[in-house]
């Protein structure tokens, strides 16, 4: 995320981006 922000800082300026949700599943079936 910090790498994205460093390379695209002009699109952020002083904005605080919303915190993203991440779902990491062990099993493919739960992911589906």
ModelCIF file with pLDDT and N, C-alpha, C, O atoms, coordinates in Angstrom:
data_MODEL
#
_entry.id   MODEL 
#
_entity.id                         1 
_entity.type                       polymer 
_entity.pdbx_number_of_molecules   1 
#
_entity_poly.entity_id                      1 
_entity_poly.type                           'polypeptide(L)' 
_entity_poly.nstd_linkage                   no 
_entity_poly.nstd_monomer                   no 
_entity_poly.pdbx_seq_one_letter_code       
;(UNK)(UNK)(UNK)(UNK)(UNK)(UNK)(UNK)(UNK)(UNK)(UNK)(UNK)(UNK)(UNK)(UNK)(UNK)(UNK)
(UNK)(UNK)(UNK)(UNK)(UNK)(UNK)(UNK)(UNK)(UNK)(UNK)(UNK)(UNK)(UNK)(UNK)(UNK)(UNK)
;
_entity_poly.pdbx_seq_one_letter_code_can   XXXXXXXXXXXXXXXXXXXXXXXXXXXXXXXX 
_entity_poly.pdbx_strand_id                 A 
#
loop_
_entity_poly_seq.entity_id 
_entity_poly_seq.num 
_entity_poly_seq.mon_id 
_entity_poly_seq.hetero 
1 1  UNK n 
1 2  UNK n 
1 3  UNK n 
1 4  UNK n 
1 5  UNK n 
1 6  UNK n 
1 7  UNK n 
1 8  UNK n 
1 9  UNK n 
1 10 UNK n 
1 11 UNK n 
1 12 UNK n 
1 13 UNK n 
1 14 UNK n 
1 15 UNK n 
1 16 UNK n 
1 17 UNK n 
1 18 UNK n 
1 19 UNK n 
1 20 UNK n 
1 21 UNK n 
1 22 UNK n 
1 23 UNK n 
1 24 UNK n 
1 25 UNK n 
1 26 UNK n 
1 27 UNK n 
1 28 UNK n 
1 29 UNK n 
1 30 UNK n 
1 31 UNK n 
1 32 UNK n 
#
_struct_asym.id          A 
_struct_asym.entity_id   1 
#
loop_
_ma_qa_metric.id 
_ma_qa_metric.mode 
_ma_qa_metric.name 
_ma_qa_metric.software_group_id 
_ma_qa_metric.type 
1 global pLDDT . pLDDT 
2 local  pLDDT . pLDDT 
#
_ma_qa_metric_global.metric_id      1 
_ma_qa_metric_global.metric_value   88.66 
_ma_qa_metric_global.model_id       1 
_ma_qa_metric_global.ordinal_id     1 
#
loop_
_ma_qa_metric_local.label_asym_id 
_ma_qa_metric_local.label_comp_id 
_ma_qa_metric_local.label_seq_id 
_ma_qa_metric_local.metric_id 
_ma_qa_metric_local.metric_value 
_ma_qa_metric_local.model_id 
_ma_qa_metric_local.ordinal_id 
A UNK 1  2 93.00 1 1  
A UNK 2  2 92.00 1 2  
A UNK 3  2 91.00 1 3  
A UNK 4  2 92.00 1 4  
A UNK 5  2 90.00 1 5  
A UNK 6  2 89.00 1 6  
A UNK 7  2 88.00 1 7  
A UNK 8  2 87.00 1 8  
A UNK 9  2 85.00 1 9  
A UNK 10 2 84.00 1 10 
A UNK 11 2 85.00 1 11 
A UNK 12 2 82.00 1 12 
A UNK 13 2 71.00 1 13 
A UNK 14 2 66.00 1 14 
A UNK 15 2 74.00 1 15 
A UNK 16 2 80.00 1 16 
A UNK 17 2 86.00 1 17 
A UNK 18 2 87.00 1 18 
A UNK 19 2 90.00 1 19 
A UNK 20 2 90.00 1 20 
A UNK 21 2 94.00 1 21 
A UNK 22 2 96.00 1 22 
A UNK 23 2 97.00 1 23 
A UNK 24 2 96.00 1 24 
A UNK 25 2 96.00 1 25 
A UNK 26 2 93.00 1 26 
A UNK 27 2 93.00 1 27 
A UNK 28 2 93.00 1 28 
A UNK 29 2 94.00 1 29 
A UNK 30 2 94.00 1 30 
A UNK 31 2 95.00 1 31 
A UNK 32 2 94.00 1 32 
#
loop_
_atom_site.group_PDB 
_atom_site.id 
_atom_site.type_symbol 
_atom_site.label_atom_id 
_atom_site.label_alt_id 
_atom_site.label_comp_id 
_atom_site.label_asym_id 
_atom_site.label_entity_id 
_atom_site.label_seq_id 
_atom_site.pdbx_PDB_ins_code 
_atom_site.Cartn_x 
_atom_site.Cartn_y 
_atom_site.Cartn_z 
_atom_site.occupancy 
_atom_site.B_iso_or_equiv 
_atom_site.pdbx_formal_charge 
_atom_site.auth_seq_id 
_atom_site.auth_comp_id 
_atom_site.auth_asym_id 
_atom_site.auth_atom_id 
_atom_site.pdbx_PDB_model_num 
ATOM 1   N N  . UNK A 1 1  ? 0.833   -1.196  0.000  1.00 93.00 ? 1  UNK A N  1 
ATOM 2   C CA . UNK A 1 1  ? 0.000   0.000   0.000  1.00 93.00 ? 1  UNK A CA 1 
ATOM 3   C C  . UNK A 1 1  ? 0.872   1.252   0.000  1.00 93.00 ? 1  UNK A C  1 
ATOM 4   O O  . UNK A 1 1  ? 0.586   2.217   -0.709 1.00 93.00 ? 1  UNK A O  1 
ATOM 5   N N  . UNK A 1 2  ? 1.930   1.230   0.795  1.00 92.00 ? 2  UNK A N  1 
ATOM 6   C CA . UNK A 1 2  ? 2.836   2.382   0.835  1.00 92.00 ? 2  UNK A CA 1 
ATOM 7   C C  . UNK A 1 2  ? 3.566   2.562   -0.489 1.00 92.00 ? 2  UNK A C  1 
ATOM 8   O O  . UNK A 1 2  ? 3.887   3.684   -0.882 1.00 92.00 ? 2  UNK A O  1 
ATOM 9   N N  . UNK A 1 3  ? 3.826   1.451   -1.177 1.00 91.00 ? 3  UNK A N  1 
ATOM 10  C CA . UNK A 1 3  ? 4.447   1.542   -2.499 1.00 91.00 ? 3  UNK A CA 1 
ATOM 11  C C  . UNK A 1 3  ? 3.484   2.167   -3.503 1.00 91.00 ? 3  UNK A C  1 
ATOM 12  O O  . UNK A 1 3  ? 3.881   3.028   -4.289 1.00 91.00 ? 3  UNK A O  1 
ATOM 13  N N  . UNK A 1 4  ? 2.211   1.738   -3.483 1.00 92.00 ? 4  UNK A N  1 
ATOM 14  C CA . UNK A 1 4  ? 1.212   2.370   -4.349 1.00 92.00 ? 4  UNK A CA 1 
ATOM 15  C C  . UNK A 1 4  ? 1.159   3.867   -4.065 1.00 92.00 ? 4  UNK A C  1 
ATOM 16  O O  . UNK A 1 4  ? 1.190   4.689   -4.981 1.00 92.00 ? 4  UNK A O  1 
ATOM 17  N N  . UNK A 1 5  ? 1.077   4.209   -2.772 1.00 90.00 ? 5  UNK A N  1 
ATOM 18  C CA . UNK A 1 5  ? 0.913   5.608   -2.378 1.00 90.00 ? 5  UNK A CA 1 
ATOM 19  C C  . UNK A 1 5  ? 2.125   6.447   -2.773 1.00 90.00 ? 5  UNK A C  1 
ATOM 20  O O  . UNK A 1 5  ? 1.981   7.596   -3.192 1.00 90.00 ? 5  UNK A O  1 
ATOM 21  N N  . UNK A 1 6  ? 3.318   5.870   -2.640 1.00 89.00 ? 6  UNK A N  1 
ATOM 22  C CA . UNK A 1 6  ? 4.529   6.608   -3.017 1.00 89.00 ? 6  UNK A CA 1 
ATOM 23  C C  . UNK A 1 6  ? 4.545   6.913   -4.500 1.00 89.00 ? 6  UNK A C  1 
ATOM 24  O O  . UNK A 1 6  ? 4.906   8.015   -4.912 1.00 89.00 ? 6  UNK A O  1 
ATOM 25  N N  . UNK A 1 7  ? 4.150   5.929   -5.306 1.00 88.00 ? 7  UNK A N  1 
ATOM 26  C CA . UNK A 1 7  ? 4.212   6.107   -6.753 1.00 88.00 ? 7  UNK A CA 1 
ATOM 27  C C  . UNK A 1 7  ? 3.010   6.890   -7.295 1.00 88.00 ? 7  UNK A C  1 
ATOM 28  O O  . UNK A 1 7  ? 3.061   7.389   -8.419 1.00 88.00 ? 7  UNK A O  1 
ATOM 29  N N  . UNK A 1 8  ? 1.947   7.001   -6.522 1.00 87.00 ? 8  UNK A N  1 
ATOM 30  C CA . UNK A 1 8  ? 0.754   7.707   -6.988 1.00 87.00 ? 8  UNK A CA 1 
ATOM 31  C C  . UNK A 1 8  ? 0.341   8.788   -6.001 1.00 87.00 ? 8  UNK A C  1 
ATOM 32  O O  . UNK A 1 8  ? -0.845  9.048   -5.798 1.00 87.00 ? 8  UNK A O  1 
ATOM 33  N N  . UNK A 1 9  ? 1.345   9.414   -5.391 1.00 85.00 ? 9  UNK A N  1 
ATOM 34  C CA . UNK A 1 9  ? 1.068   10.406  -4.348 1.00 85.00 ? 9  UNK A CA 1 
ATOM 35  C C  . UNK A 1 9  ? 0.248   11.580  -4.868 1.00 85.00 ? 9  UNK A C  1 
ATOM 36  O O  . UNK A 1 9  ? -0.510  12.185  -4.110 1.00 85.00 ? 9  UNK A O  1 
ATOM 37  N N  . UNK A 1 10 ? 0.388   11.911  -6.145 1.00 84.00 ? 10 UNK A N  1 
ATOM 38  C CA . UNK A 1 10 ? -0.336  13.071  -6.683 1.00 84.00 ? 10 UNK A CA 1 
ATOM 39  C C  . UNK A 1 10 ? -1.843  12.859  -6.683 1.00 84.00 ? 10 UNK A C  1 
ATOM 40  O O  . UNK A 1 10 ? -2.604  13.823  -6.764 1.00 84.00 ? 10 UNK A O  1 
ATOM 41  N N  . UNK A 1 11 ? -2.282  11.604  -6.593 1.00 85.00 ? 11 UNK A N  1 
ATOM 42  C CA . UNK A 1 11 ? -3.719  11.341  -6.591 1.00 85.00 ? 11 UNK A CA 1 
ATOM 43  C C  . UNK A 1 11 ? -4.300  11.338  -5.178 1.00 85.00 ? 11 UNK A C  1 
ATOM 44  O O  . UNK A 1 11 ? -5.516  11.275  -4.999 1.00 85.00 ? 11 UNK A O  1 
ATOM 45  N N  . UNK A 1 12 ? -3.431  11.404  -4.190 1.00 82.00 ? 12 UNK A N  1 
ATOM 46  C CA . UNK A 1 12 ? -3.899  11.340  -2.806 1.00 82.00 ? 12 UNK A CA 1 
ATOM 47  C C  . UNK A 1 12 ? -3.868  12.709  -2.146 1.00 82.00 ? 12 UNK A C  1 
ATOM 48  O O  . UNK A 1 12 ? -4.786  13.075  -1.412 1.00 82.00 ? 12 UNK A O  1 
ATOM 49  N N  . UNK A 1 13 ? -2.794  13.473  -2.414 1.00 71.00 ? 13 UNK A N  1 
ATOM 50  C CA . UNK A 1 13 ? -2.559  14.750  -1.745 1.00 71.00 ? 13 UNK A CA 1 
ATOM 51  C C  . UNK A 1 13 ? -2.587  14.500  -0.233 1.00 71.00 ? 13 UNK A C  1 
ATOM 52  O O  . UNK A 1 13 ? -1.844  13.659  0.274  1.00 71.00 ? 13 UNK A O  1 
ATOM 53  N N  . UNK A 1 14 ? -3.448  15.235  0.485  1.00 66.00 ? 14 UNK A N  1 
ATOM 54  C CA . UNK A 1 14 ? -3.522  15.057  1.936  1.00 66.00 ? 14 UNK A CA 1 
ATOM 55  C C  . UNK A 1 14 ? -4.725  14.213  2.342  1.00 66.00 ? 14 UNK A C  1 
ATOM 56  O O  . UNK A 1 14 ? -5.081  14.168  3.519  1.00 66.00 ? 14 UNK A O  1 
ATOM 57  N N  . UNK A 1 15 ? -5.352  13.548  1.383  1.00 74.00 ? 15 UNK A N  1 
ATOM 58  C CA . UNK A 1 15 ? -6.535  12.748  1.706  1.00 74.00 ? 15 UNK A CA 1 
ATOM 59  C C  . UNK A 1 15 ? -6.169  11.503  2.490  1.00 74.00 ? 15 UNK A C  1 
ATOM 60  O O  . UNK A 1 15 ? -5.121  10.898  2.263  1.00 74.00 ? 15 UNK A O  1 
ATOM 61  N N  . UNK A 1 16 ? -7.027  11.133  3.400  1.00 80.00 ? 16 UNK A N  1 
ATOM 62  C CA . UNK A 1 16 ? -6.885  9.872   4.123  1.00 80.00 ? 16 UNK A CA 1 
ATOM 63  C C  . UNK A 1 16 ? -7.787  8.854   3.438  1.00 80.00 ? 16 UNK A C  1 
ATOM 64  O O  . UNK A 1 16 ? -9.011  8.982   3.478  1.00 80.00 ? 16 UNK A O  1 
ATOM 65  N N  . UNK A 1 17 ? -7.196  7.854   2.817  1.00 86.00 ? 17 UNK A N  1 
ATOM 66  C CA . UNK A 1 17 ? -7.996  6.853   2.120  1.00 86.00 ? 17 UNK A CA 1 
ATOM 67  C C  . UNK A 1 17 ? -8.716  5.959   3.131  1.00 86.00 ? 17 UNK A C  1 
ATOM 68  O O  . UNK A 1 17 ? -8.185  5.692   4.209  1.00 86.00 ? 17 UNK A O  1 
ATOM 69  N N  . UNK A 1 18 ? -9.915  5.500   2.793  1.00 87.00 ? 18 UNK A N  1 
ATOM 70  C CA . UNK A 1 18 ? -10.621 4.596   3.712  1.00 87.00 ? 18 UNK A CA 1 
ATOM 71  C C  . UNK A 1 18 ? -9.855  3.294   3.910  1.00 87.00 ? 18 UNK A C  1 
ATOM 72  O O  . UNK A 1 18 ? -9.214  2.791   2.987  1.00 87.00 ? 18 UNK A O  1 
ATOM 73  N N  . UNK A 1 19 ? -9.928  2.767   5.097  1.00 90.00 ? 19 UNK A N  1 
ATOM 74  C CA . UNK A 1 19 ? -9.258  1.511   5.394  1.00 90.00 ? 19 UNK A CA 1 
ATOM 75  C C  . UNK A 1 19 ? -9.954  0.381   4.644  1.00 90.00 ? 19 UNK A C  1 
ATOM 76  O O  . UNK A 1 19 ? -11.172 0.233   4.741  1.00 90.00 ? 19 UNK A O  1 
ATOM 77  N N  . UNK A 1 20 ? -9.199  -0.410  3.905  1.00 90.00 ? 20 UNK A N  1 
ATOM 78  C CA . UNK A 1 20 ? -9.772  -1.470  3.091  1.00 90.00 ? 20 UNK A CA 1 
ATOM 79  C C  . UNK A 1 20 ? -10.071 -2.719  3.900  1.00 90.00 ? 20 UNK A C  1 
ATOM 80  O O  . UNK A 1 20 ? -9.421  -2.982  4.912  1.00 90.00 ? 20 UNK A O  1 
ATOM 81  N N  . UNK A 1 21 ? -11.044 -3.481  3.459  1.00 94.00 ? 21 UNK A N  1 
ATOM 82  C CA . UNK A 1 21 ? -11.361 -4.773  4.057  1.00 94.00 ? 21 UNK A CA 1 
ATOM 83  C C  . UNK A 1 21 ? -10.660 -5.878  3.284  1.00 94.00 ? 21 UNK A C  1 
ATOM 84  O O  . UNK A 1 21 ? -10.669 -5.888  2.053  1.00 94.00 ? 21 UNK A O  1 
ATOM 85  N N  . UNK A 1 22 ? -10.053 -6.806  4.010  1.00 96.00 ? 22 UNK A N  1 
ATOM 86  C CA . UNK A 1 22 ? -9.345  -7.927  3.396  1.00 96.00 ? 22 UNK A CA 1 
ATOM 87  C C  . UNK A 1 22 ? -9.846  -9.218  4.043  1.00 96.00 ? 22 UNK A C  1 
ATOM 88  O O  . UNK A 1 22 ? -9.877  -9.346  5.267  1.00 96.00 ? 22 UNK A O  1 
ATOM 89  N N  . UNK A 1 23 ? -10.236 -10.171 3.196  1.00 97.00 ? 23 UNK A N  1 
ATOM 90  C CA . UNK A 1 23 ? -10.709 -11.470 3.673  1.00 97.00 ? 23 UNK A CA 1 
ATOM 91  C C  . UNK A 1 23 ? -9.767  -12.546 3.140  1.00 97.00 ? 23 UNK A C  1 
ATOM 92  O O  . UNK A 1 23 ? -9.691  -12.781 1.934  1.00 97.00 ? 23 UNK A O  1 
ATOM 93  N N  . UNK A 1 24 ? -9.058  -13.187 4.049  1.00 96.00 ? 24 UNK A N  1 
ATOM 94  C CA . UNK A 1 24 ? -8.070  -14.204 3.684  1.00 96.00 ? 24 UNK A CA 1 
ATOM 95  C C  . UNK A 1 24 ? -8.563  -15.554 4.183  1.00 96.00 ? 24 UNK A C  1 
ATOM 96  O O  . UNK A 1 24 ? -8.633  -15.796 5.388  1.00 96.00 ? 24 UNK A O  1 
ATOM 97  N N  . UNK A 1 25 ? -8.900  -16.423 3.249  1.00 96.00 ? 25 UNK A N  1 
ATOM 98  C CA . UNK A 1 25 ? -9.476  -17.714 3.584  1.00 96.00 ? 25 UNK A CA 1 
ATOM 99  C C  . UNK A 1 25 ? -8.458  -18.829 3.395  1.00 96.00 ? 25 UNK A C  1 
ATOM 100 O O  . UNK A 1 25 ? -7.621  -18.775 2.494  1.00 96.00 ? 25 UNK A O  1 
ATOM 101 N N  . UNK A 1 26 ? -8.538  -19.830 4.248  1.00 93.00 ? 26 UNK A N  1 
ATOM 102 C CA . UNK A 1 26 ? -7.711  -21.012 4.065  1.00 93.00 ? 26 UNK A CA 1 
ATOM 103 C C  . UNK A 1 26 ? -8.243  -21.862 2.908  1.00 93.00 ? 26 UNK A C  1 
ATOM 104 O O  . UNK A 1 26 ? -7.461  -22.376 2.109  1.00 93.00 ? 26 UNK A O  1 
ATOM 105 N N  . UNK A 1 27 ? -9.560  -22.011 2.814  1.00 93.00 ? 27 UNK A N  1 
ATOM 106 C CA . UNK A 1 27 ? -10.180 -22.925 1.862  1.00 93.00 ? 27 UNK A CA 1 
ATOM 107 C C  . UNK A 1 27 ? -10.832 -22.187 0.698  1.00 93.00 ? 27 UNK A C  1 
ATOM 108 O O  . UNK A 1 27 ? -11.447 -21.136 0.884  1.00 93.00 ? 27 UNK A O  1 
ATOM 109 N N  . UNK A 1 28 ? -10.695 -22.735 -0.483 1.00 93.00 ? 28 UNK A N  1 
ATOM 110 C CA . UNK A 1 28 ? -11.310 -22.150 -1.669 1.00 93.00 ? 28 UNK A CA 1 
ATOM 111 C C  . UNK A 1 28 ? -12.830 -22.106 -1.535 1.00 93.00 ? 28 UNK A C  1 
ATOM 112 O O  . UNK A 1 28 ? -13.450 -21.133 -1.965 1.00 93.00 ? 28 UNK A O  1 
ATOM 113 N N  . UNK A 1 29 ? -13.438 -23.122 -0.957 1.00 94.00 ? 29 UNK A N  1 
ATOM 114 C CA . UNK A 1 29 ? -14.894 -23.153 -0.866 1.00 94.00 ? 29 UNK A CA 1 
ATOM 115 C C  . UNK A 1 29 ? -15.433 -21.998 -0.029 1.00 94.00 ? 29 UNK A C  1 
ATOM 116 O O  . UNK A 1 29 ? -16.476 -21.432 -0.355 1.00 94.00 ? 29 UNK A O  1 
ATOM 117 N N  . UNK A 1 30 ? -14.730 -21.643 1.048  1.00 94.00 ? 30 UNK A N  1 
ATOM 118 C CA . UNK A 1 30 ? -15.164 -20.499 1.854  1.00 94.00 ? 30 UNK A CA 1 
ATOM 119 C C  . UNK A 1 30 ? -15.004 -19.192 1.069  1.00 94.00 ? 30 UNK A C  1 
ATOM 120 O O  . UNK A 1 30 ? -15.844 -18.295 1.147  1.00 94.00 ? 30 UNK A O  1 
ATOM 121 N N  . UNK A 1 31 ? -13.925 -19.111 0.326  1.00 95.00 ? 31 UNK A N  1 
ATOM 122 C CA . UNK A 1 31 ? -13.724 -17.957 -0.560 1.00 95.00 ? 31 UNK A CA 1 
ATOM 123 C C  . UNK A 1 31 ? -14.870 -17.828 -1.561 1.00 95.00 ? 31 UNK A C  1 
ATOM 124 O O  . UNK A 1 31 ? -15.366 -16.726 -1.796 1.00 95.00 ? 31 UNK A O  1 
ATOM 125 N N  . UNK A 1 32 ? -15.290 -18.943 -2.148 1.00 94.00 ? 32 UNK A N  1 
ATOM 126 C CA . UNK A 1 32 ? -16.367 -18.913 -3.143 1.00 94.00 ? 32 UNK A CA 1 
ATOM 127 C C  . UNK A 1 32 ? -17.707 -18.558 -2.509 1.00 94.00 ? 32 UNK A C  1 
ATOM 128 O O  . UNK A 1 32 ? -18.720 -18.489 -3.205 1.00 94.00 ? 32 UNK A O  1 
#
